[in-house]
Amino acid sequence: MSGDDQASASELRKRFQAGGSMKDDQLGASQLRARHGMLPGKEERLADHPLFPAAVAIWSIFLLGCLYVFFKYMTGTLFPDEPNGEFTKKVKEVAAEVVKEVVSEAQERVQD
């Protein structure tokens, strides 16, 4: 854009600012940055956002919690107050009693 040196400031604004007569593909890098309000040499990144460290910390804590629960579940020690699996035994006993009751009621209804 060698003709830019002789053009007036108002003419340059008409051509290069947003809504100007020149298309983006006709502009240089510095002119595009000026048109779109970007600072030279600084690209916008997600990591530059002021809340990014807090978001990373929250997600890390969440994922660690999920992993903790998963591994506790897989080892059978999800309920630390009952390390021998007594809670699971109780649940199975109650479930077996409920199944027996449902089956016996169903058999009685079939016989009637």
N, C-alpha and C. Protein backbone atom coordinates (compact mmCIF):
# COMPACT_ATOMS: atom_id res chain seq x y z
N MET A 1 0.84 -1.17 0.00
CA MET A 1 0.00 0.00 0.00
C MET A 1 0.89 1.24 0.00
N SER A 2 1.55 1.43 -1.09
CA SER A 2 2.48 2.57 -1.15
C SER A 2 1.75 3.90 -1.22
N GLY A 3 0.49 3.93 -1.66
CA GLY A 3 -0.26 5.17 -1.76
C GLY A 3 -0.75 5.68 -0.41
N ASP A 4 -0.54 4.88 0.64
CA ASP A 4 -0.98 5.29 1.97
C ASP A 4 -0.21 6.50 2.50
N ASP A 5 1.02 6.67 2.03
CA ASP A 5 1.84 7.76 2.56
C ASP A 5 1.29 9.13 2.17
N GLN A 6 0.66 9.24 1.01
CA GLN A 6 0.15 10.52 0.55
C GLN A 6 -1.31 10.74 0.91
N ALA A 7 -2.02 9.72 1.39
CA ALA A 7 -3.45 9.85 1.68
C ALA A 7 -3.65 10.57 3.01
N SER A 8 -4.75 11.30 3.09
CA SER A 8 -5.07 12.00 4.34
C SER A 8 -5.60 11.01 5.38
N ALA A 9 -5.61 11.43 6.63
CA ALA A 9 -6.09 10.56 7.71
C ALA A 9 -7.55 10.20 7.51
N SER A 10 -8.36 11.14 7.06
CA SER A 10 -9.78 10.83 6.86
C SER A 10 -9.97 9.82 5.73
N GLU A 11 -9.16 9.92 4.69
CA GLU A 11 -9.24 8.96 3.58
C GLU A 11 -8.83 7.56 4.06
N LEU A 12 -7.78 7.50 4.87
CA LEU A 12 -7.35 6.20 5.40
C LEU A 12 -8.42 5.59 6.30
N ARG A 13 -9.06 6.42 7.12
CA ARG A 13 -10.13 5.90 7.97
C ARG A 13 -11.28 5.36 7.14
N LYS A 14 -11.61 6.06 6.06
CA LYS A 14 -12.72 5.60 5.20
C LYS A 14 -12.39 4.24 4.58
N ARG A 15 -11.14 4.03 4.24
CA ARG A 15 -10.77 2.79 3.57
C ARG A 15 -10.54 1.63 4.54
N PHE A 16 -9.91 1.91 5.68
CA PHE A 16 -9.41 0.82 6.51
C PHE A 16 -10.25 0.51 7.74
N GLN A 17 -11.02 1.43 8.26
CA GLN A 17 -11.78 1.15 9.47
C GLN A 17 -12.96 0.25 9.16
N ALA A 18 -13.61 -0.26 10.22
CA ALA A 18 -14.74 -1.17 10.05
C ALA A 18 -15.79 -0.51 9.16
N GLY A 19 -16.29 -1.26 8.19
CA GLY A 19 -17.26 -0.72 7.26
C GLY A 19 -16.61 0.08 6.14
N GLY A 20 -15.30 0.05 6.06
CA GLY A 20 -14.58 0.81 5.03
C GLY A 20 -14.78 0.21 3.66
N SER A 21 -14.24 0.90 2.66
CA SER A 21 -14.46 0.48 1.27
C SER A 21 -13.60 -0.71 0.87
N MET A 22 -12.51 -0.97 1.58
CA MET A 22 -11.63 -2.07 1.20
C MET A 22 -12.05 -3.34 1.94
N LYS A 23 -11.92 -4.47 1.25
CA LYS A 23 -12.25 -5.76 1.85
C LYS A 23 -11.08 -6.25 2.69
N ASP A 24 -11.37 -7.18 3.60
CA ASP A 24 -10.34 -7.70 4.49
C ASP A 24 -9.18 -8.34 3.73
N ASP A 25 -9.47 -9.00 2.60
CA ASP A 25 -8.40 -9.67 1.87
C ASP A 25 -7.47 -8.70 1.15
N GLN A 26 -7.82 -7.42 1.12
CA GLN A 26 -6.96 -6.42 0.49
C GLN A 26 -6.09 -5.68 1.51
N LEU A 27 -6.26 -5.99 2.78
CA LEU A 27 -5.53 -5.28 3.83
C LEU A 27 -4.34 -6.09 4.33
N GLY A 28 -3.36 -5.38 4.84
CA GLY A 28 -2.21 -6.02 5.46
C GLY A 28 -2.53 -6.42 6.89
N ALA A 29 -1.58 -7.10 7.54
CA ALA A 29 -1.81 -7.61 8.89
C ALA A 29 -2.07 -6.48 9.88
N SER A 30 -1.26 -5.44 9.83
CA SER A 30 -1.44 -4.34 10.79
C SER A 30 -2.76 -3.61 10.54
N GLN A 31 -3.16 -3.50 9.27
CA GLN A 31 -4.43 -2.84 8.95
C GLN A 31 -5.61 -3.68 9.42
N LEU A 32 -5.50 -5.00 9.28
CA LEU A 32 -6.56 -5.88 9.78
C LEU A 32 -6.68 -5.80 11.30
N ARG A 33 -5.54 -5.78 11.98
CA ARG A 33 -5.58 -5.66 13.44
C ARG A 33 -6.24 -4.35 13.86
N ALA A 34 -5.92 -3.28 13.15
CA ALA A 34 -6.51 -1.98 13.48
C ALA A 34 -8.01 -1.99 13.20
N ARG A 35 -8.42 -2.60 12.11
CA ARG A 35 -9.84 -2.64 11.76
C ARG A 35 -10.65 -3.39 12.80
N HIS A 36 -10.10 -4.47 13.30
CA HIS A 36 -10.85 -5.32 14.23
C HIS A 36 -10.49 -5.08 15.69
N GLY A 37 -9.70 -4.07 15.96
CA GLY A 37 -9.42 -3.67 17.33
C GLY A 37 -8.52 -4.60 18.10
N MET A 38 -7.61 -5.28 17.42
CA MET A 38 -6.70 -6.20 18.10
C MET A 38 -5.36 -5.50 18.33
N LEU A 39 -4.74 -5.84 19.44
CA LEU A 39 -3.42 -5.30 19.72
C LEU A 39 -2.39 -6.08 18.93
N PRO A 40 -1.33 -5.42 18.47
CA PRO A 40 -0.32 -6.14 17.70
C PRO A 40 0.43 -7.15 18.56
N GLY A 41 0.63 -8.33 18.00
CA GLY A 41 1.42 -9.35 18.67
C GLY A 41 0.71 -10.02 19.84
N LYS A 42 -0.54 -9.77 20.06
CA LYS A 42 -1.24 -10.39 21.19
C LYS A 42 -2.49 -11.08 20.66
N GLU A 43 -2.48 -12.37 20.74
CA GLU A 43 -3.67 -13.11 20.33
C GLU A 43 -4.49 -13.46 21.57
N GLU A 44 -5.76 -13.57 21.40
CA GLU A 44 -6.62 -13.89 22.52
C GLU A 44 -6.62 -15.40 22.73
N ARG A 45 -6.33 -15.79 23.96
CA ARG A 45 -6.30 -17.22 24.29
C ARG A 45 -7.18 -17.46 25.50
N LEU A 46 -7.70 -18.67 25.59
CA LEU A 46 -8.53 -19.04 26.73
C LEU A 46 -7.73 -18.97 28.03
N ALA A 47 -6.47 -19.35 27.97
CA ALA A 47 -5.64 -19.37 29.17
C ALA A 47 -5.38 -17.96 29.72
N ASP A 48 -5.63 -16.93 28.94
CA ASP A 48 -5.42 -15.56 29.40
C ASP A 48 -6.62 -15.03 30.18
N HIS A 49 -7.72 -15.74 30.18
CA HIS A 49 -8.91 -15.28 30.89
C HIS A 49 -8.64 -15.29 32.39
N PRO A 50 -9.08 -14.28 33.13
CA PRO A 50 -8.77 -14.21 34.56
C PRO A 50 -9.36 -15.34 35.40
N LEU A 51 -10.43 -15.98 34.93
CA LEU A 51 -11.04 -17.07 35.69
C LEU A 51 -10.51 -18.45 35.29
N PHE A 52 -9.58 -18.49 34.34
CA PHE A 52 -9.07 -19.78 33.87
C PHE A 52 -8.42 -20.61 34.98
N PRO A 53 -7.56 -20.04 35.84
CA PRO A 53 -6.98 -20.86 36.91
C PRO A 53 -8.04 -21.42 37.87
N ALA A 54 -9.06 -20.64 38.16
CA ALA A 54 -10.12 -21.13 39.05
C ALA A 54 -10.88 -22.28 38.38
N ALA A 55 -11.15 -22.15 37.09
CA ALA A 55 -11.86 -23.21 36.37
C ALA A 55 -11.04 -24.50 36.35
N VAL A 56 -9.74 -24.37 36.14
CA VAL A 56 -8.87 -25.55 36.13
C VAL A 56 -8.86 -26.20 37.51
N ALA A 57 -8.80 -25.40 38.56
CA ALA A 57 -8.79 -25.95 39.92
C ALA A 57 -10.10 -26.67 40.23
N ILE A 58 -11.22 -26.08 39.85
CA ILE A 58 -12.53 -26.70 40.11
C ILE A 58 -12.66 -28.01 39.36
N TRP A 59 -12.28 -28.02 38.09
CA TRP A 59 -12.37 -29.26 37.31
C TRP A 59 -11.42 -30.33 37.86
N SER A 60 -10.25 -29.92 38.31
CA SER A 60 -9.31 -30.88 38.88
C SER A 60 -9.87 -31.52 40.14
N ILE A 61 -10.45 -30.72 41.00
CA ILE A 61 -11.05 -31.25 42.23
C ILE A 61 -12.21 -32.19 41.89
N PHE A 62 -13.03 -31.80 40.93
CA PHE A 62 -14.16 -32.64 40.52
C PHE A 62 -13.68 -33.99 39.98
N LEU A 63 -12.68 -33.96 39.10
CA LEU A 63 -12.17 -35.21 38.53
C LEU A 63 -11.51 -36.09 39.58
N LEU A 64 -10.76 -35.48 40.49
CA LEU A 64 -10.15 -36.27 41.56
C LEU A 64 -11.23 -36.91 42.45
N GLY A 65 -12.30 -36.18 42.72
CA GLY A 65 -13.40 -36.74 43.50
C GLY A 65 -14.05 -37.91 42.78
N CYS A 66 -14.26 -37.77 41.48
CA CYS A 66 -14.85 -38.87 40.70
C CYS A 66 -13.94 -40.10 40.72
N LEU A 67 -12.64 -39.88 40.56
CA LEU A 67 -11.70 -41.00 40.60
C LEU A 67 -11.69 -41.67 41.97
N TYR A 68 -11.74 -40.86 43.03
CA TYR A 68 -11.76 -41.40 44.38
C TYR A 68 -12.98 -42.31 44.58
N VAL A 69 -14.16 -41.82 44.20
CA VAL A 69 -15.38 -42.61 44.36
C VAL A 69 -15.31 -43.87 43.50
N PHE A 70 -14.82 -43.75 42.27
CA PHE A 70 -14.73 -44.90 41.38
C PHE A 70 -13.84 -45.99 41.98
N PHE A 71 -12.64 -45.61 42.44
CA PHE A 71 -11.74 -46.62 42.98
C PHE A 71 -12.23 -47.18 44.30
N LYS A 72 -12.87 -46.37 45.12
CA LYS A 72 -13.46 -46.89 46.35
C LYS A 72 -14.56 -47.89 46.03
N TYR A 73 -15.36 -47.58 45.00
CA TYR A 73 -16.44 -48.48 44.60
C TYR A 73 -15.86 -49.79 44.06
N MET A 74 -14.82 -49.68 43.24
CA MET A 74 -14.24 -50.87 42.63
C MET A 74 -13.57 -51.77 43.67
N THR A 75 -13.03 -51.21 44.73
CA THR A 75 -12.39 -52.03 45.76
C THR A 75 -13.37 -52.50 46.82
N GLY A 76 -14.61 -52.01 46.78
CA GLY A 76 -15.62 -52.44 47.73
C GLY A 76 -15.56 -51.71 49.05
N THR A 77 -14.83 -50.62 49.12
CA THR A 77 -14.70 -49.87 50.36
C THR A 77 -15.29 -48.48 50.22
N LEU A 78 -16.39 -48.37 49.51
CA LEU A 78 -17.02 -47.07 49.30
C LEU A 78 -17.58 -46.52 50.60
N PHE A 79 -18.02 -47.41 51.48
CA PHE A 79 -18.57 -46.99 52.77
C PHE A 79 -17.52 -47.30 53.85
N PRO A 80 -16.71 -46.30 54.23
CA PRO A 80 -15.58 -46.58 55.12
C PRO A 80 -15.99 -46.99 56.53
N ASP A 81 -17.22 -46.71 56.95
CA ASP A 81 -17.62 -47.11 58.30
C ASP A 81 -17.91 -48.61 58.37
N GLU A 82 -18.00 -49.28 57.25
CA GLU A 82 -18.24 -50.72 57.21
C GLU A 82 -17.24 -51.36 56.26
N PRO A 83 -16.01 -51.50 56.69
CA PRO A 83 -14.97 -51.98 55.77
C PRO A 83 -15.12 -53.43 55.35
N ASN A 84 -15.89 -54.22 56.08
CA ASN A 84 -16.02 -55.64 55.74
C ASN A 84 -17.15 -55.90 54.75
N GLY A 85 -17.76 -54.87 54.23
CA GLY A 85 -18.84 -55.06 53.29
C GLY A 85 -20.15 -55.42 53.95
N GLU A 86 -20.31 -55.06 55.22
CA GLU A 86 -21.55 -55.39 55.93
C GLU A 86 -22.75 -54.67 55.32
N PHE A 87 -22.54 -53.44 54.88
CA PHE A 87 -23.63 -52.70 54.26
C PHE A 87 -24.13 -53.42 53.02
N THR A 88 -23.20 -53.92 52.21
CA THR A 88 -23.57 -54.64 50.99
C THR A 88 -24.32 -55.92 51.34
N LYS A 89 -23.87 -56.61 52.38
CA LYS A 89 -24.55 -57.85 52.81
C LYS A 89 -25.98 -57.55 53.24
N LYS A 90 -26.15 -56.45 53.99
CA LYS A 90 -27.49 -56.07 54.45
C LYS A 90 -28.40 -55.73 53.27
N VAL A 91 -27.86 -55.01 52.33
CA VAL A 91 -28.66 -54.65 51.15
C VAL A 91 -29.08 -55.90 50.40
N LYS A 92 -28.16 -56.85 50.25
CA LYS A 92 -28.49 -58.09 49.54
C LYS A 92 -29.55 -58.90 50.29
N GLU A 93 -29.45 -58.93 51.63
CA GLU A 93 -30.44 -59.66 52.43
C GLU A 93 -31.82 -59.04 52.28
N VAL A 94 -31.89 -57.72 52.37
CA VAL A 94 -33.18 -57.04 52.23
C VAL A 94 -33.73 -57.24 50.83
N ALA A 95 -32.87 -57.15 49.83
CA ALA A 95 -33.32 -57.35 48.45
C ALA A 95 -33.83 -58.77 48.26
N ALA A 96 -33.17 -59.75 48.85
CA ALA A 96 -33.61 -61.14 48.73
C ALA A 96 -34.98 -61.33 49.40
N GLU A 97 -35.19 -60.70 50.58
CA GLU A 97 -36.48 -60.80 51.25
C GLU A 97 -37.58 -60.18 50.41
N VAL A 98 -37.30 -59.03 49.81
CA VAL A 98 -38.31 -58.37 48.97
C VAL A 98 -38.65 -59.24 47.77
N VAL A 99 -37.63 -59.82 47.15
CA VAL A 99 -37.87 -60.69 45.98
C VAL A 99 -38.71 -61.90 46.40
N LYS A 100 -38.41 -62.49 47.55
CA LYS A 100 -39.19 -63.65 48.02
C LYS A 100 -40.65 -63.25 48.23
N GLU A 101 -40.89 -62.09 48.85
CA GLU A 101 -42.26 -61.64 49.07
C GLU A 101 -42.99 -61.40 47.76
N VAL A 102 -42.33 -60.78 46.81
CA VAL A 102 -42.97 -60.50 45.52
C VAL A 102 -43.28 -61.79 44.80
N VAL A 103 -42.35 -62.74 44.83
CA VAL A 103 -42.58 -64.02 44.16
C VAL A 103 -43.73 -64.77 44.83
N SER A 104 -43.78 -64.78 46.16
CA SER A 104 -44.85 -65.51 46.85
C SER A 104 -46.21 -64.85 46.57
N GLU A 105 -46.27 -63.52 46.53
CA GLU A 105 -47.54 -62.85 46.20
C GLU A 105 -47.95 -63.16 44.76
N ALA A 106 -46.99 -63.21 43.86
CA ALA A 106 -47.31 -63.52 42.47
C ALA A 106 -47.82 -64.95 42.33
N GLN A 107 -47.22 -65.87 43.09
CA GLN A 107 -47.68 -67.25 43.04
C GLN A 107 -49.10 -67.38 43.62
N GLU A 108 -49.39 -66.62 44.68
CA GLU A 108 -50.72 -66.66 45.25
C GLU A 108 -51.76 -66.13 44.26
N ARG A 109 -51.43 -65.07 43.55
CA ARG A 109 -52.36 -64.50 42.57
C ARG A 109 -52.59 -65.45 41.40
N VAL A 110 -51.54 -66.19 41.01
CA VAL A 110 -51.67 -67.14 39.92
C VAL A 110 -52.58 -68.30 40.35
N GLN A 111 -52.46 -68.74 41.59
CA GLN A 111 -53.26 -69.85 42.10
C GLN A 111 -54.73 -69.44 42.26
N ASP A 112 -54.99 -68.18 42.51
CA ASP A 112 -56.38 -67.73 42.67
C ASP A 112 -57.02 -67.62 41.36
